[in-house]
Protein backbone atom coordinates (compact mmCIF):
# COMPACT_ATOMS: atom_id res chain seq x y z
CA MET A 1 -0.05 33.74 -1.99
CA ASP A 2 -1.73 30.94 0.26
CA GLU A 3 0.07 28.08 1.70
CA VAL A 4 2.20 27.62 -1.28
CA ASP A 5 4.54 26.34 0.30
CA ALA A 6 2.68 23.73 2.30
CA ALA A 7 3.59 20.26 -0.05
CA LEU A 8 7.92 21.80 -0.03
CA ASP A 9 10.80 19.41 1.40
CA GLU A 10 12.94 21.78 3.33
CA ALA A 11 15.50 21.85 0.17
CA ASN A 12 12.41 23.58 -1.79
CA ILE A 13 11.57 25.38 0.95
CA ASN A 14 15.31 27.38 1.52
CA ARG A 15 15.09 27.63 -2.18
CA PHE A 16 11.48 29.61 -2.25
CA ARG A 17 12.69 31.31 1.03
CA ASP A 18 15.64 32.81 -0.99
CA GLN A 19 13.28 33.87 -4.26
CA LEU A 20 11.36 35.34 -1.91
CA ARG A 21 14.06 37.16 -0.49
CA GLU A 22 15.03 38.38 -3.91
CA LEU A 23 11.69 39.26 -6.05
CA SER A 24 10.85 41.16 -2.34
CA ILE A 25 13.09 43.52 -3.51
CA GLY A 26 11.09 45.18 -6.20
CA THR A 27 7.70 43.45 -4.99
CA GLN A 28 5.02 42.94 -1.57
CA PHE A 29 3.77 39.58 -1.15
CA ILE A 30 1.48 38.50 1.30
CA VAL A 31 2.06 35.03 1.99
CA ILE A 32 -0.16 32.99 4.44
CA THR A 33 1.84 29.51 5.70
CA HIS A 34 2.76 27.64 8.83
CA ASN A 35 5.98 26.74 7.76
CA ARG A 36 8.43 28.22 9.90
CA GLY A 37 10.63 28.08 7.11
CA THR A 38 9.05 30.43 4.82
CA VAL A 39 8.11 32.68 8.29
CA GLN A 40 12.36 33.88 7.84
CA ALA A 41 11.99 35.71 5.02
CA ALA A 42 8.48 37.50 6.28
CA GLN A 43 10.22 41.02 6.76
CA THR A 44 7.07 41.35 9.76
CA ILE A 45 4.52 38.98 10.34
CA TYR A 46 0.57 39.26 11.04
CA GLY A 47 -1.49 37.04 12.91
CA ILE A 48 -4.84 37.03 14.59
CA SER A 49 -4.67 35.42 18.18
CA MET A 50 -8.05 35.62 20.76
CA GLY A 51 -7.86 38.16 23.44
CA SER A 52 -8.69 37.84 26.91
CA ASP A 53 -12.32 38.91 26.06
CA SER A 54 -12.90 35.87 23.11
CA ALA A 55 -12.54 38.90 20.39
CA SER A 56 -10.30 38.21 17.34
CA GLN A 57 -7.37 41.05 17.83
CA ALA A 58 -4.58 41.41 15.08
CA ILE A 59 -0.87 41.38 15.96
CA SER A 60 2.47 42.13 14.18
CA ILE A 61 6.08 41.67 14.40
CA LYS A 62 8.67 42.75 12.94
CA PRO A 63 11.47 40.02 13.64
CA GLU A 64 14.70 42.43 13.47
CA GLU A 65 12.77 44.37 16.37
CA TYR A 66 11.47 41.72 18.18
CA ILE A 67 14.84 39.59 17.95
CA LYS A 68 16.43 42.80 19.88
CA GLN A 69 14.31 43.01 22.97
CA PRO A 70 16.08 43.31 26.10
CA GLU A 71 14.58 40.44 27.42
CA LEU A 72 15.31 38.35 24.58
CA LEU A 73 19.26 39.29 25.21
């Protein structure tokens, strides 16, 4: 899904996020978004960033592992 949440207000983002969580029990979703509320439903976050050599590099973050990092505690 590509930015399907772009026009949603906060209340509807919360509903959308809850539906994603419920449906993701049996289905995998790939969602392209800039919305923080939608990102909160993600089990893995992927991004593309420019490296020091100006080449694109893919990064991935699993929120539950990121939160457990000692420097964040």
